[in-house]
């Protein structure tokens, strides 16, 4: 697996923001200076500088990075080489680029691919990385997508995502699943419960169930994912709504969601008890299937 271009993009963008802040220049000042130093007066604008700092580019010119480093008085050969290397890696394409028709930019998948630890709370569904093919199809079809071809494309992309949990160096994965999500697993989809039991045997996975009888709690507003990365990349919180994806990177937001996750994990059943709950639910679904 290649280094995640998504993560490299974010790292480079963050560094460019830091350098401009250190210089104390506005984006417009940088753009005007870049026009002089690059020899391409039409190739620079303050909006371009902002896009580069936000990682909102289609393809990044390494020469543009060199111009910015020159403006920001970066003379250390190692730092220059590191930034140029980041720019080249950020222009690569991950496997998810071939599924842009169903994954869009693939930003979340790109970050997920290089996380060292993933912590997720799911109130309404089994987490995507733990879903079976049948369960994925049921969820996607309920989303009123157009055509069986799109359904299968989404299923294939989901299955490819899951490979990161079983690769030679997988991330630590901690999932808290609301009991209500498991109660929605019908007897026809009971293989999903067995899959949770099987995956829960892996050393890098912890699966906990948050019982309904725990009552109201801090995470009732919805699902979230906290992703940690090897240094120097800071954690990221991912929120998904029906209409958009939200990425939180401010320290205060990260700390808040880490605290919320710690709370729901404490309120959830321990791993062993969670496993027993899933086993009992599987027995019940097997009985339902027998009696049907």
Protein backbone atom coordinates (compact mmCIF):
# COMPACT_ATOMS: atom_id res chain seq x y z
CA UNK A 1 0.00 0.00 0.00
CA UNK A 2 1.40 3.40 -0.98
CA UNK A 3 1.52 6.23 1.53
CA UNK A 4 -1.84 7.91 1.69
CA UNK A 5 -1.81 10.90 -0.69
CA UNK A 6 -4.68 12.34 1.35
CA UNK A 7 -2.59 12.46 4.50
CA UNK A 8 0.43 13.85 2.63
CA UNK A 9 -1.78 16.56 1.14
CA UNK A 10 -2.96 17.59 4.59
CA UNK A 11 0.56 17.55 6.00
CA UNK A 12 1.92 19.76 3.23
CA UNK A 13 -1.02 22.16 3.41
CA UNK A 14 -0.59 22.50 7.15
CA UNK A 15 3.11 23.26 6.72
CA UNK A 16 2.41 25.94 4.09
CA UNK A 17 -0.08 27.61 6.44
CA UNK A 18 2.46 27.54 9.27
CA UNK A 19 5.16 29.09 7.08
CA UNK A 20 2.92 31.94 5.92
CA UNK A 21 1.84 32.61 9.50
CA UNK A 22 5.49 32.72 10.53
CA UNK A 23 6.22 35.15 7.69
CA UNK A 24 3.30 37.32 8.75
CA UNK A 25 2.08 37.91 5.20
CA UNK A 26 -1.42 37.90 3.81
CA UNK A 27 -2.37 35.51 1.02
CA UNK A 28 -2.53 38.47 -1.36
CA UNK A 29 1.03 39.52 -0.48
CA UNK A 30 2.28 35.99 -1.09
CA UNK A 31 0.45 35.76 -4.41
CA UNK A 32 1.92 39.07 -5.62
CA UNK A 33 5.42 37.97 -4.67
CA UNK A 34 4.89 34.56 -6.30
CA UNK A 35 3.96 36.28 -9.57
CA UNK A 36 7.37 37.98 -9.56
CA UNK A 37 9.46 34.98 -8.55
CA UNK A 38 7.73 32.32 -10.61
CA UNK A 39 7.68 34.18 -13.91
CA UNK A 40 4.00 33.22 -14.25
CA UNK A 41 2.01 36.34 -13.31
CA UNK A 42 -1.27 34.74 -14.39
CA UNK A 43 -0.64 31.56 -12.42
CA UNK A 44 -1.00 33.06 -8.96
CA UNK A 45 -3.77 34.67 -6.91
CA UNK A 46 -4.63 34.97 -3.24
CA UNK A 47 -7.38 32.36 -3.74
CA UNK A 48 -4.77 29.93 -5.10
CA UNK A 49 -2.62 30.41 -2.00
CA UNK A 50 -5.63 29.68 0.20
CA UNK A 51 -6.54 26.59 -1.84
CA UNK A 52 -3.01 25.25 -1.46
CA UNK A 53 -3.21 25.79 2.29
CA UNK A 54 -6.52 23.96 2.44
CA UNK A 55 -5.41 21.08 0.27
CA UNK A 56 -8.00 21.96 -2.36
CA UNK A 57 -6.06 21.30 -5.53
CA UNK A 58 -6.43 18.79 -8.33
CA UNK A 59 -2.74 18.50 -9.13
CA UNK A 60 0.05 20.34 -7.38
CA UNK A 61 3.08 21.69 -9.21
CA UNK A 62 6.31 21.00 -7.33
CA UNK A 63 7.63 24.26 -8.79
CA UNK A 64 4.83 26.11 -6.98
CA UNK A 65 5.95 24.60 -3.70
CA UNK A 66 9.53 25.69 -4.40
CA UNK A 67 8.35 29.26 -5.07
CA UNK A 68 6.45 29.36 -1.77
CA UNK A 69 9.37 27.96 0.19
CA UNK A 70 11.60 30.63 -1.36
CA UNK A 71 9.14 33.34 -0.36
CA UNK A 72 8.97 31.95 3.18
CA UNK A 73 12.79 32.03 3.45
CA UNK A 74 13.11 28.25 3.80
CA UNK A 75 16.76 27.46 3.05
CA UNK A 76 17.28 24.15 4.85
CA UNK A 77 17.94 21.60 2.07
CA UNK A 78 16.34 18.80 4.10
CA UNK A 79 13.10 20.72 4.65
CA UNK A 80 12.96 21.73 0.99
CA UNK A 81 13.48 18.13 -0.10
CA UNK A 82 10.86 16.92 2.40
CA UNK A 83 8.24 19.37 1.12
CA UNK A 84 8.99 18.50 -2.50
CA UNK A 85 8.65 14.81 -1.64
CA UNK A 86 5.30 15.49 0.06
CA UNK A 87 4.11 17.33 -3.04
CA UNK A 88 4.99 14.39 -5.27
CA UNK A 89 3.32 11.87 -2.95
CA UNK A 90 0.24 14.09 -2.61
CA UNK A 91 -0.22 13.89 -6.39
CA UNK A 92 -0.39 10.11 -6.37
CA UNK A 93 -3.70 8.28 -6.52
CA UNK A 94 -4.87 5.72 -4.00
CA UNK A 95 -6.93 2.67 -4.96
CA UNK A 96 -10.05 4.62 -4.04
CA UNK A 97 -9.56 6.92 -7.04
CA UNK A 98 -10.96 4.14 -9.23
CA UNK A 99 -14.17 4.33 -7.20
CA UNK A 100 -14.65 8.08 -7.43
CA UNK A 101 -18.12 7.49 -8.86
CA UNK A 102 -19.27 6.13 -5.49
CA UNK A 103 -16.63 7.49 -3.07
CA UNK A 104 -16.27 11.02 -4.40
CA UNK A 105 -12.93 12.52 -3.37
CA UNK A 106 -12.18 9.51 -1.18
CA UNK A 107 -10.82 11.86 1.46
CA UNK A 108 -12.07 9.81 4.41
CA UNK A 109 -10.83 6.53 2.94
CA UNK A 110 -7.45 8.09 2.28
CA UNK A 111 -7.10 9.18 5.90
CA UNK A 112 -8.44 5.91 7.24
CA UNK A 113 -5.85 4.00 5.20
CA UNK A 114 -2.94 5.44 7.16
CA UNK A 115 -4.43 5.82 10.64
CA UNK A 116 -2.54 4.11 13.43
CA UNK A 117 -5.64 3.99 15.62
CA UNK A 118 -9.32 4.33 14.78
CA UNK A 119 -11.99 4.90 17.41
CA UNK A 120 -15.61 4.96 16.32
CA UNK A 121 -19.05 5.27 17.87
CA UNK A 122 -21.99 4.09 15.76
CA UNK A 123 -25.54 4.59 17.05
CA UNK A 124 -27.57 3.32 14.09
CA UNK A 125 -25.52 0.82 12.07
CA UNK A 126 -22.62 -1.58 12.27
CA UNK A 127 -19.39 0.29 11.43
CA UNK A 128 -18.46 0.09 7.76
CA UNK A 129 -15.17 -1.69 8.38
CA UNK A 130 -17.04 -4.48 10.17
CA UNK A 131 -19.93 -4.98 7.75
CA UNK A 132 -20.59 -8.15 5.75
CA UNK A 133 -21.41 -7.96 2.05
CA UNK A 134 -25.07 -8.82 2.67
CA UNK A 135 -25.35 -6.15 5.34
CA UNK A 136 -23.66 -3.57 3.11
CA UNK A 137 -26.11 -4.33 0.30
CA UNK A 138 -29.09 -3.99 2.64
CA UNK A 139 -27.87 -0.63 3.93
CA UNK A 140 -27.04 0.72 0.47
CA UNK A 141 -30.34 -0.41 -1.06
CA UNK A 142 -32.21 1.34 1.73
CA UNK A 143 -30.45 4.53 0.60
CA UNK A 144 -32.40 4.48 -2.67
CA UNK A 145 -29.33 4.42 -4.92
CA UNK A 146 -29.82 4.11 -8.66
CA UNK A 147 -29.29 0.69 -10.16
CA UNK A 148 -27.70 -2.59 -9.18
CA UNK A 149 -24.40 -1.59 -10.78
CA UNK A 150 -23.99 1.27 -8.33
CA UNK A 151 -24.92 -0.99 -5.44
CA UNK A 152 -22.22 -3.50 -6.37
CA UNK A 153 -19.65 -0.74 -6.92
CA UNK A 154 -20.30 0.52 -3.41
CA UNK A 155 -20.13 -2.97 -1.97
CA UNK A 156 -16.80 -3.61 -3.72
CA UNK A 157 -15.36 -0.33 -2.40
CA UNK A 158 -16.48 -1.18 1.14
CA UNK A 159 -14.87 -4.61 0.97
CA UNK A 160 -11.58 -3.10 -0.24
CA UNK A 161 -11.66 -0.63 2.65
CA UNK A 162 -11.90 -3.48 5.11
CA UNK A 163 -8.58 -4.95 4.04
CA UNK A 164 -6.77 -2.45 6.25
CA UNK A 165 -7.97 -4.32 9.37
CA UNK A 166 -6.30 -7.56 8.27
CA UNK A 167 -3.12 -6.30 6.63
CA UNK A 168 0.29 -7.10 8.13
CA UNK A 169 0.42 -3.83 10.10
CA UNK A 170 -3.23 -3.00 10.86
CA UNK A 171 -4.39 -0.03 12.90
CA UNK A 172 -5.74 -0.48 16.41
CA UNK A 173 -9.51 -0.42 15.97
CA UNK A 174 -11.96 0.31 18.78
CA UNK A 175 -15.68 0.30 18.02
CA UNK A 176 -18.57 1.15 20.32
CA UNK A 177 -21.85 0.07 18.74
CA UNK A 178 -25.22 1.07 20.14
CA UNK A 179 -27.35 -1.96 21.00
CA UNK A 180 -30.12 -0.51 18.86
CA UNK A 181 -27.96 -0.97 15.75
CA UNK A 182 -27.59 -4.68 16.53
CA UNK A 183 -31.30 -5.12 17.19
CA UNK A 184 -31.85 -3.96 13.60
CA UNK A 185 -29.87 -6.94 12.31
CA UNK A 186 -32.62 -9.25 11.08
CA UNK A 187 -32.50 -13.05 10.97
CA UNK A 188 -31.78 -12.82 7.23
CA UNK A 189 -28.65 -10.80 8.04
CA UNK A 190 -27.57 -12.78 11.11
CA UNK A 191 -24.25 -13.54 9.42
CA UNK A 192 -23.37 -9.98 10.39
CA UNK A 193 -23.49 -10.93 14.07
CA UNK A 194 -21.23 -13.93 13.50
CA UNK A 195 -18.84 -11.69 11.59
CA UNK A 196 -18.63 -9.33 14.58
CA UNK A 197 -17.78 -12.28 16.80
CA UNK A 198 -15.11 -13.47 14.37
CA UNK A 199 -13.53 -10.04 13.94
CA UNK A 200 -13.62 -9.47 17.68
CA UNK A 201 -11.10 -12.29 18.07
CA UNK A 202 -8.41 -10.25 16.33
CA UNK A 203 -5.74 -8.71 18.57
CA UNK A 204 -6.08 -5.27 17.02
CA UNK A 205 -9.88 -5.05 17.48
CA UNK A 206 -12.08 -4.18 20.43
CA UNK A 207 -15.86 -4.26 19.96
CA UNK A 208 -18.10 -2.96 22.71
CA UNK A 209 -21.87 -2.62 22.86
CA UNK A 210 -23.59 0.34 24.49
CA UNK A 211 -26.83 -1.03 26.00
CA UNK A 212 -30.06 0.83 25.41
CA UNK A 213 -30.84 0.81 29.12
CA UNK A 214 -27.87 3.12 29.77
CA UNK A 215 -30.24 5.95 28.84
CA UNK A 216 -29.25 9.36 27.41
CA UNK A 217 -25.56 9.99 26.85
CA UNK A 218 -23.11 12.52 25.40
CA UNK A 219 -22.83 10.88 21.96
CA UNK A 220 -26.54 10.80 21.14
CA UNK A 221 -26.07 13.54 18.54
CA UNK A 222 -24.64 11.01 16.08
CA UNK A 223 -21.80 8.87 14.85
CA UNK A 224 -18.19 9.98 14.81
CA UNK A 225 -14.73 8.61 14.12
CA UNK A 226 -11.49 9.68 15.79
CA UNK A 227 -8.39 8.84 13.74
CA UNK A 228 -4.87 8.99 15.16
CA UNK A 229 -1.76 9.00 12.98
CA UNK A 230 1.94 8.46 13.52
CA UNK A 231 3.84 11.74 14.24
CA UNK A 232 3.91 14.41 13.01
CA UNK A 233 0.28 14.23 11.89
CA UNK A 234 -2.32 15.26 14.50
CA UNK A 235 -5.60 13.40 15.11
CA UNK A 236 -8.70 14.11 13.04
CA UNK A 237 -12.37 13.73 13.96
CA UNK A 238 -14.73 12.72 11.17
CA UNK A 239 -18.46 13.45 11.28
CA UNK A 240 -20.88 12.31 8.60
CA UNK A 241 -24.31 13.77 7.92
CA UNK A 242 -26.79 13.04 5.15
CA UNK A 243 -25.48 15.94 3.08
CA UNK A 244 -21.81 16.44 3.97
CA UNK A 245 -18.61 15.16 5.53
CA UNK A 246 -17.06 17.22 8.32
CA UNK A 247 -13.43 17.03 9.45
CA UNK A 248 -12.44 18.59 12.77
CA UNK A 249 -8.79 19.36 13.42
CA UNK A 250 -8.75 22.02 16.13
CA UNK A 251 -7.27 20.85 19.45
CA UNK A 252 -10.42 21.79 21.38
CA UNK A 253 -12.63 19.74 19.03
CA UNK A 254 -10.28 16.75 19.15
CA UNK A 255 -10.20 16.81 22.96
CA UNK A 256 -13.97 17.11 23.16
CA UNK A 257 -14.62 14.08 20.99
CA UNK A 258 -11.90 12.07 22.69
CA UNK A 259 -13.66 12.77 25.98
CA UNK A 260 -17.01 11.79 24.52
CA UNK A 261 -15.56 8.57 23.17
CA UNK A 262 -13.96 7.76 26.53
CA UNK A 263 -17.35 8.33 28.14
CA UNK A 264 -19.33 6.04 25.82
CA UNK A 265 -16.60 3.41 26.03
CA UNK A 266 -16.85 3.49 29.82
CA UNK A 267 -20.65 3.28 29.67
CA UNK A 268 -20.55 0.41 27.17
CA UNK A 269 -20.30 -3.22 28.22
CA UNK A 270 -16.74 -4.56 28.53
CA UNK A 271 -15.47 -6.51 25.53
CA UNK A 272 -16.26 -9.94 27.01
CA UNK A 273 -19.78 -8.95 28.06
CA UNK A 274 -20.37 -7.32 24.69
CA UNK A 275 -19.38 -10.56 23.05
CA UNK A 276 -21.89 -12.47 25.15
CA UNK A 277 -24.64 -10.02 24.18
CA UNK A 278 -23.84 -10.50 20.48
CA UNK A 279 -23.75 -14.28 20.93
CA UNK A 280 -27.17 -14.26 22.63
CA UNK A 281 -28.60 -12.07 19.89
CA UNK A 282 -27.20 -14.45 17.26
CA UNK A 283 -28.85 -17.41 19.02
CA UNK A 284 -32.14 -15.53 18.96
CA UNK A 285 -31.81 -14.71 15.26
CA UNK A 286 -30.96 -18.34 14.45
CA UNK A 287 -34.12 -19.41 16.26
CA UNK A 288 -36.13 -16.83 14.33
CA UNK A 289 -34.76 -18.21 11.06
CA UNK A 290 -35.60 -21.79 12.11
CA UNK A 291 -39.14 -20.86 13.07
CA UNK A 292 -39.77 -18.83 9.94
